[in-house]
PDB file of N, CA and C in Angstrom:
ATOM      1  N   UNK A   1      20.026 -92.186 -79.831  1.00  0.00           N
ATOM      2  CA  UNK A   1      21.153 -91.319 -80.098  1.00  0.00           C
ATOM      3  C   UNK A   1      21.305 -90.370 -78.916  1.00  0.00           C
ATOM      4  N   UNK A   2      22.484 -90.347 -78.303  1.00  0.00           N
ATOM      5  CA  UNK A   2      22.702 -89.418 -77.199  1.00  0.00           C
ATOM      6  C   UNK A   2      22.692 -87.976 -77.705  1.00  0.00           C
ATOM      7  N   UNK A   3      22.261 -87.083 -76.860  1.00  0.00           N
ATOM      8  CA  UNK A   3      22.203 -85.671 -77.235  1.00  0.00           C
ATOM      9  C   UNK A   3      23.609 -85.094 -77.335  1.00  0.00           C
ATOM     10  N   UNK A   4      23.800 -84.210 -78.301  1.00  0.00           N
ATOM     11  CA  UNK A   4      25.086 -83.532 -78.416  1.00  0.00           C
ATOM     12  C   UNK A   4      25.072 -82.306 -77.504  1.00  0.00           C
ATOM     13  N   UNK A   5      26.261 -81.854 -77.154  1.00  0.00           N
ATOM     14  CA  UNK A   5      26.382 -80.675 -76.312  1.00  0.00           C
ATOM     15  C   UNK A   5      26.519 -79.421 -77.177  1.00  0.00           C
ATOM     16  N   UNK A   6      26.365 -78.287 -76.546  1.00  0.00           N
ATOM     17  CA  UNK A   6      26.546 -77.030 -77.275  1.00  0.00           C
ATOM     18  C   UNK A   6      27.983 -76.898 -77.775  1.00  0.00           C
ATOM     19  N   UNK A   7      28.946 -77.363 -76.982  1.00  0.00           N
ATOM     20  CA  UNK A   7      30.349 -77.317 -77.404  1.00  0.00           C
ATOM     21  C   UNK A   7      30.588 -78.187 -78.630  1.00  0.00           C
ATOM     22  N   UNK A   8      29.959 -79.365 -78.652  1.00  0.00           N
ATOM     23  CA  UNK A   8      30.092 -80.244 -79.820  1.00  0.00           C
ATOM     24  C   UNK A   8      29.482 -79.589 -81.055  1.00  0.00           C
ATOM     25  N   UNK A   9      28.374 -78.917 -80.883  1.00  0.00           N
ATOM     26  CA  UNK A   9      27.725 -78.245 -82.004  1.00  0.00           C
ATOM     27  C   UNK A   9      28.651 -77.168 -82.585  1.00  0.00           C
ATOM     28  N   UNK A  10      29.212 -76.338 -81.714  1.00  0.00           N
ATOM     29  CA  UNK A  10      30.125 -75.283 -82.170  1.00  0.00           C
ATOM     30  C   UNK A  10      31.342 -75.881 -82.872  1.00  0.00           C
ATOM     31  N   UNK A  11      31.923 -76.925 -82.262  1.00  0.00           N
ATOM     32  CA  UNK A  11      33.109 -77.557 -82.835  1.00  0.00           C
ATOM     33  C   UNK A  11      32.795 -78.209 -84.177  1.00  0.00           C
ATOM     34  N   UNK A  12      31.652 -78.866 -84.267  1.00  0.00           N
ATOM     35  CA  UNK A  12      31.262 -79.535 -85.509  1.00  0.00           C
ATOM     36  C   UNK A  12      31.090 -78.513 -86.632  1.00  0.00           C
ATOM     37  N   UNK A  13      30.434 -77.406 -86.334  1.00  0.00           N
ATOM     38  CA  UNK A  13      30.278 -76.363 -87.359  1.00  0.00           C
ATOM     39  C   UNK A  13      31.625 -75.855 -87.824  1.00  0.00           C
ATOM     40  N   UNK A  14      32.541 -75.669 -86.872  1.00  0.00           N
ATOM     41  CA  UNK A  14      33.881 -75.180 -87.221  1.00  0.00           C
ATOM     42  C   UNK A  14      34.615 -76.193 -88.108  1.00  0.00           C
ATOM     43  N   UNK A  15      34.489 -77.472 -87.785  1.00  0.00           N
ATOM     44  CA  UNK A  15      35.181 -78.505 -88.570  1.00  0.00           C
ATOM     45  C   UNK A  15      34.712 -78.538 -90.019  1.00  0.00           C
ATOM     46  N   UNK A  16      33.414 -78.351 -90.234  1.00  0.00           N
ATOM     47  CA  UNK A  16      32.911 -78.421 -91.608  1.00  0.00           C
ATOM     48  C   UNK A  16      32.677 -77.032 -92.204  1.00  0.00           C
ATOM     49  N   UNK A  17      33.084 -76.028 -91.441  1.00  0.00           N
ATOM     50  CA  UNK A  17      33.081 -74.642 -91.913  1.00  0.00           C
ATOM     51  C   UNK A  17      31.722 -74.175 -92.420  1.00  0.00           C
ATOM     52  N   UNK A  18      30.734 -74.310 -91.550  1.00  0.00           N
ATOM     53  CA  UNK A  18      29.422 -73.766 -91.888  1.00  0.00           C
ATOM     54  C   UNK A  18      28.999 -72.764 -90.818  1.00  0.00           C
ATOM     55  N   UNK A  19      28.209 -71.803 -91.206  1.00  0.00           N
ATOM     56  CA  UNK A  19      27.723 -70.780 -90.296  1.00  0.00           C
ATOM     57  C   UNK A  19      26.463 -71.262 -89.575  1.00  0.00           C
ATOM     58  N   UNK A  20      26.059 -70.503 -88.593  1.00  0.00           N
ATOM     59  CA  UNK A  20      24.799 -70.804 -87.922  1.00  0.00           C
ATOM     60  C   UNK A  20      23.635 -70.699 -88.902  1.00  0.00           C
ATOM     61  N   UNK A  21      23.696 -69.726 -89.803  1.00  0.00           N
ATOM     62  CA  UNK A  21      22.654 -69.601 -90.828  1.00  0.00           C
ATOM     63  C   UNK A  21      22.580 -70.855 -91.693  1.00  0.00           C
ATOM     64  N   UNK A  22      23.748 -71.354 -92.100  1.00  0.00           N
ATOM     65  CA  UNK A  22      23.784 -72.549 -92.942  1.00  0.00           C
ATOM     66  C   UNK A  22      23.268 -73.777 -92.185  1.00  0.00           C
ATOM     67  N   UNK A  23      23.637 -73.892 -90.919  1.00  0.00           N
ATOM     68  CA  UNK A  23      23.139 -75.012 -90.128  1.00  0.00           C
ATOM     69  C   UNK A  23      21.625 -74.925 -89.964  1.00  0.00           C
ATOM     70  N   UNK A  24      21.129 -73.725 -89.772  1.00  0.00           N
ATOM     71  CA  UNK A  24      19.677 -73.540 -89.660  1.00  0.00           C
ATOM     72  C   UNK A  24      18.983 -74.004 -90.938  1.00  0.00           C
ATOM     73  N   UNK A  25      19.521 -73.627 -92.080  1.00  0.00           N
ATOM     74  CA  UNK A  25      18.927 -74.014 -93.361  1.00  0.00           C
ATOM     75  C   UNK A  25      18.989 -75.524 -93.572  1.00  0.00           C
ATOM     76  N   UNK A  26      20.120 -76.130 -93.229  1.00  0.00           N
ATOM     77  CA  UNK A  26      20.292 -77.566 -93.444  1.00  0.00           C
ATOM     78  C   UNK A  26      19.456 -78.408 -92.478  1.00  0.00           C
ATOM     79  N   UNK A  27      19.249 -77.898 -91.281  1.00  0.00           N
ATOM     80  CA  UNK A  27      18.542 -78.678 -90.257  1.00  0.00           C
ATOM     81  C   UNK A  27      17.050 -78.373 -90.174  1.00  0.00           C
ATOM     82  N   UNK A  28      16.662 -77.209 -90.689  1.00  0.00           N
ATOM     83  CA  UNK A  28      15.274 -76.797 -90.566  1.00  0.00           C
ATOM     84  C   UNK A  28      14.936 -76.255 -89.183  1.00  0.00           C
ATOM     85  N   UNK A  29      15.958 -75.964 -88.398  1.00  0.00           N
ATOM     86  CA  UNK A  29      15.799 -75.412 -87.054  1.00  0.00           C
ATOM     87  C   UNK A  29      16.110 -73.923 -87.136  1.00  0.00           C
ATOM     88  N   UNK A  30      15.393 -73.116 -86.395  1.00  0.00           N
ATOM     89  CA  UNK A  30      15.604 -71.670 -86.481  1.00  0.00           C
ATOM     90  C   UNK A  30      17.018 -71.279 -86.044  1.00  0.00           C
ATOM     91  N   UNK A  31      17.522 -70.217 -86.651  1.00  0.00           N
ATOM     92  CA  UNK A  31      18.847 -69.722 -86.269  1.00  0.00           C
ATOM     93  C   UNK A  31      18.839 -69.329 -84.797  1.00  0.00           C
ATOM     94  N   UNK A  32      17.761 -68.726 -84.328  1.00  0.00           N
ATOM     95  CA  UNK A  32      17.669 -68.304 -82.921  1.00  0.00           C
ATOM     96  C   UNK A  32      17.857 -69.499 -81.994  1.00  0.00           C
ATOM     97  N   UNK A  33      17.245 -70.638 -82.318  1.00  0.00           N
ATOM     98  CA  UNK A  33      17.381 -71.839 -81.488  1.00  0.00           C
ATOM     99  C   UNK A  33      18.830 -72.320 -81.474  1.00  0.00           C
ATOM    100  N   UNK A  34      19.507 -72.229 -82.622  1.00  0.00           N
ATOM    101  CA  UNK A  34      20.902 -72.651 -82.713  1.00  0.00           C
ATOM    102  C   UNK A  34      21.801 -71.689 -81.936  1.00  0.00           C
ATOM    103  N   UNK A  35      21.574 -70.398 -82.102  1.00  0.00           N
ATOM    104  CA  UNK A  35      22.350 -69.386 -81.368  1.00  0.00           C
ATOM    105  C   UNK A  35      22.208 -69.603 -79.860  1.00  0.00           C
ATOM    106  N   UNK A  36      20.983 -69.763 -79.404  1.00  0.00           N
ATOM    107  CA  UNK A  36      20.732 -69.954 -77.971  1.00  0.00           C
ATOM    108  C   UNK A  36      21.343 -71.259 -77.458  1.00  0.00           C
ATOM    109  N   UNK A  37      21.284 -72.307 -78.263  1.00  0.00           N
ATOM    110  CA  UNK A  37      21.883 -73.587 -77.876  1.00  0.00           C
ATOM    111  C   UNK A  37      23.396 -73.460 -77.756  1.00  0.00           C
ATOM    112  N   UNK A  38      24.031 -72.888 -78.767  1.00  0.00           N
ATOM    113  CA  UNK A  38      25.486 -72.767 -78.747  1.00  0.00           C
ATOM    114  C   UNK A  38      25.971 -71.829 -77.639  1.00  0.00           C
ATOM    115  N   UNK A  39      25.141 -70.869 -77.260  1.00  0.00           N
ATOM    116  CA  UNK A  39      25.487 -69.946 -76.169  1.00  0.00           C
ATOM    117  C   UNK A  39      25.096 -70.515 -74.801  1.00  0.00           C
ATOM    118  N   UNK A  40      24.567 -71.732 -74.801  1.00  0.00           N
ATOM    119  CA  UNK A  40      24.155 -72.430 -73.584  1.00  0.00           C
ATOM    120  C   UNK A  40      23.052 -71.693 -72.827  1.00  0.00           C
ATOM    121  N   UNK A  41      22.195 -70.999 -73.584  1.00  0.00           N
ATOM    122  CA  UNK A  41      21.039 -70.326 -72.982  1.00  0.00           C
ATOM    123  C   UNK A  41      19.807 -71.229 -72.960  1.00  0.00           C
ATOM    124  N   UNK A  42      19.785 -72.228 -73.860  1.00  0.00           N
ATOM    125  CA  UNK A  42      18.658 -73.156 -73.900  1.00  0.00           C
ATOM    126  C   UNK A  42      19.081 -74.431 -74.611  1.00  0.00           C
ATOM    127  N   UNK A  43      18.274 -75.460 -74.431  1.00  0.00           N
ATOM    128  CA  UNK A  43      18.487 -76.725 -75.129  1.00  0.00           C
ATOM    129  C   UNK A  43      17.303 -76.937 -76.057  1.00  0.00           C
ATOM    130  N   UNK A  44      17.574 -77.205 -77.333  1.00  0.00           N
ATOM    131  CA  UNK A  44      16.467 -77.428 -78.274  1.00  0.00           C
ATOM    132  C   UNK A  44      15.622 -78.630 -77.862  1.00  0.00           C
ATOM    133  N   UNK A  45      14.363 -78.615 -78.306  1.00  0.00           N
ATOM    134  CA  UNK A  45      13.528 -79.789 -78.073  1.00  0.00           C
ATOM    135  C   UNK A  45      14.161 -80.984 -78.785  1.00  0.00           C
ATOM    136  N   UNK A  46      13.793 -82.164 -78.347  1.00  0.00           N
ATOM    137  CA  UNK A  46      14.413 -83.405 -78.841  1.00  0.00           C
ATOM    138  C   UNK A  46      14.429 -83.488 -80.370  1.00  0.00           C
ATOM    139  N   UNK A  47      13.302 -83.172 -80.999  1.00  0.00           N
ATOM    140  CA  UNK A  47      13.209 -83.235 -82.457  1.00  0.00           C
ATOM    141  C   UNK A  47      14.208 -82.283 -83.122  1.00  0.00           C
ATOM    142  N   UNK A  48      14.312 -81.062 -82.621  1.00  0.00           N
ATOM    143  CA  UNK A  48      15.231 -80.084 -83.202  1.00  0.00           C
ATOM    144  C   UNK A  48      16.688 -80.465 -82.969  1.00  0.00           C
ATOM    145  N   UNK A  49      16.987 -80.993 -81.787  1.00  0.00           N
ATOM    146  CA  UNK A  49      18.350 -81.421 -81.501  1.00  0.00           C
ATOM    147  C   UNK A  49      18.750 -82.571 -82.427  1.00  0.00           C
ATOM    148  N   UNK A  50      17.820 -83.466 -82.691  1.00  0.00           N
ATOM    149  CA  UNK A  50      18.091 -84.571 -83.622  1.00  0.00           C
ATOM    150  C   UNK A  50      18.323 -84.040 -85.036  1.00  0.00           C
ATOM    151  N   UNK A  51      17.568 -83.034 -85.439  1.00  0.00           N
ATOM    152  CA  UNK A  51      17.733 -82.453 -86.781  1.00  0.00           C
ATOM    153  C   UNK A  51      19.083 -81.759 -86.906  1.00  0.00           C
ATOM    154  N   UNK A  52      19.511 -81.054 -85.868  1.00  0.00           N
ATOM    155  CA  UNK A  52      20.823 -80.397 -85.870  1.00  0.00           C
ATOM    156  C   UNK A  52      21.921 -81.451 -85.972  1.00  0.00           C
ATOM    157  N   UNK A  53      21.806 -82.487 -85.143  1.00  0.00           N
ATOM    158  CA  UNK A  53      22.798 -83.564 -85.148  1.00  0.00           C
ATOM    159  C   UNK A  53      22.882 -84.219 -86.523  1.00  0.00           C
ATOM    160  N   UNK A  54      21.734 -84.521 -87.106  1.00  0.00           N
ATOM    161  CA  UNK A  54      21.709 -85.176 -88.415  1.00  0.00           C
ATOM    162  C   UNK A  54      22.332 -84.285 -89.489  1.00  0.00           C
ATOM    163  N   UNK A  55      22.036 -83.005 -89.476  1.00  0.00           N
ATOM    164  CA  UNK A  55      22.605 -82.090 -90.471  1.00  0.00           C
ATOM    165  C   UNK A  55      24.126 -82.046 -90.353  1.00  0.00           C
ATOM    166  N   UNK A  56      24.635 -82.021 -89.141  1.00  0.00           N
ATOM    167  CA  UNK A  56      26.086 -81.993 -88.940  1.00  0.00           C
ATOM    168  C   UNK A  56      26.719 -83.322 -89.357  1.00  0.00           C
ATOM    169  N   UNK A  57      26.062 -84.429 -89.038  1.00  0.00           N
ATOM    170  CA  UNK A  57      26.581 -85.741 -89.447  1.00  0.00           C
ATOM    171  C   UNK A  57      26.576 -85.882 -90.969  1.00  0.00           C
ATOM    172  N   UNK A  58      25.550 -85.377 -91.624  1.00  0.00           N
ATOM    173  CA  UNK A  58      25.512 -85.426 -93.080  1.00  0.00           C
ATOM    174  C   UNK A  58      26.622 -84.573 -93.690  1.00  0.00           C
ATOM    175  N   UNK A  59      27.065 -83.575 -92.942  1.00  0.00           N
ATOM    176  CA  UNK A  59      28.174 -82.731 -93.391  1.00  0.00           C
ATOM    177  C   UNK A  59      29.531 -83.378 -93.204  1.00  0.00           C
ATOM    178  N   UNK A  60      29.581 -84.537 -92.532  1.00  0.00           N
ATOM    179  CA  UNK A  60      30.830 -85.268 -92.387  1.00  0.00           C
ATOM    180  C   UNK A  60      31.394 -85.322 -90.980  1.00  0.00           C
ATOM    181  N   UNK A  61      30.595 -84.928 -90.009  1.00  0.00           N
ATOM    182  CA  UNK A  61      31.049 -84.921 -88.621  1.00  0.00           C
ATOM    183  C   UNK A  61      30.668 -86.224 -87.939  1.00  0.00           C
ATOM    184  N   UNK A  62      31.529 -86.656 -87.037  1.00  0.00           N
ATOM    185  CA  UNK A  62      31.246 -87.822 -86.200  1.00  0.00           C
ATOM    186  C   UNK A  62      31.331 -87.375 -84.748  1.00  0.00           C
ATOM    187  N   UNK A  63      30.285 -87.665 -83.983  1.00  0.00           N
ATOM    188  CA  UNK A  63      30.266 -87.305 -82.568  1.00  0.00           C
ATOM    189  C   UNK A  63      30.787 -88.481 -81.758  1.00  0.00           C
ATOM    190  N   UNK A  64      31.674 -88.177 -80.811  1.00  0.00           N
ATOM    191  CA  UNK A  64      32.339 -89.190 -80.003  1.00  0.00           C
ATOM    192  C   UNK A  64      31.848 -89.140 -78.560  1.00  0.00           C
ATOM    193  N   UNK A  65      31.963 -90.243 -77.850  1.00  0.00           N
ATOM    194  CA  UNK A  65      31.596 -90.234 -76.433  1.00  0.00           C
ATOM    195  C   UNK A  65      32.475 -89.223 -75.676  1.00  0.00           C
ATOM    196  N   UNK A  66      31.941 -88.699 -74.618  1.00  0.00           N
ATOM    197  CA  UNK A  66      32.746 -87.796 -73.788  1.00  0.00           C
ATOM    198  C   UNK A  66      32.893 -86.407 -74.378  1.00  0.00           C
ATOM    199  N   UNK A  67      31.913 -85.963 -75.163  1.00  0.00           N
ATOM    200  CA  UNK A  67      31.894 -84.605 -75.702  1.00  0.00           C
ATOM    201  C   UNK A  67      32.847 -84.383 -76.869  1.00  0.00           C
ATOM    202  N   UNK A  68      33.332 -85.455 -77.497  1.00  0.00           N
ATOM    203  CA  UNK A  68      34.252 -85.323 -78.618  1.00  0.00           C
ATOM    204  C   UNK A  68      33.541 -85.158 -79.951  1.00  0.00           C
ATOM    205  N   UNK A  69      34.295 -84.659 -80.920  1.00  0.00           N
ATOM    206  CA  UNK A  69      33.796 -84.502 -82.281  1.00  0.00           C
ATOM    207  C   UNK A  69      34.981 -84.538 -83.235  1.00  0.00           C
ATOM    208  N   UNK A  70      34.782 -85.158 -84.397  1.00  0.00           N
ATOM    209  CA  UNK A  70      35.851 -85.209 -85.395  1.00  0.00           C
ATOM    210  C   UNK A  70      35.217 -85.358 -86.768  1.00  0.00           C
ATOM    211  N   UNK A  71      36.046 -85.146 -87.792  1.00  0.00           N
ATOM    212  CA  UNK A  71      35.592 -85.396 -89.155  1.00  0.00           C
ATOM    213  C   UNK A  71      35.591 -86.893 -89.382  1.00  0.00           C
ATOM    214  N   UNK A  72      34.571 -87.359 -90.050  1.00  0.00           N
ATOM    215  CA  UNK A  72      34.457 -88.789 -90.364  1.00  0.00           C
ATOM    216  C   UNK A  72      35.545 -89.160 -91.369  1.00  0.00           C
ATOM    217  N   UNK A  73      36.178 -90.284 -91.156  1.00  0.00           N
ATOM    218  CA  UNK A  73      37.219 -90.758 -92.073  1.00  0.00           C
ATOM    219  C   UNK A  73      36.593 -91.148 -93.404  1.00  0.00           C
ATOM    220  N   UNK A  74      37.346 -90.881 -94.461  1.00  0.00           N
ATOM    221  CA  UNK A  74      36.906 -91.313 -95.779  1.00  0.00           C
ATOM    222  C   UNK A  74      36.236 -90.253 -96.497  1.00  0.00           C
TER     223      UNK A  74
END
């Protein structure tokens, strides 16, 4: 699975209307790690980035090539 970008993370949260706190709870990743990632101050370790991606995908987001993101159809 390719890594998502900080912009994709922010956009995905906006699409499914969840806060950083909610994403932290759903992914098991600290809010600080999410805040720093979205602000482009750091990149989470591979395991945490995968957990963030999975939580957003379970919320109905689909990540597209080229930094895209959209709601999954259906």
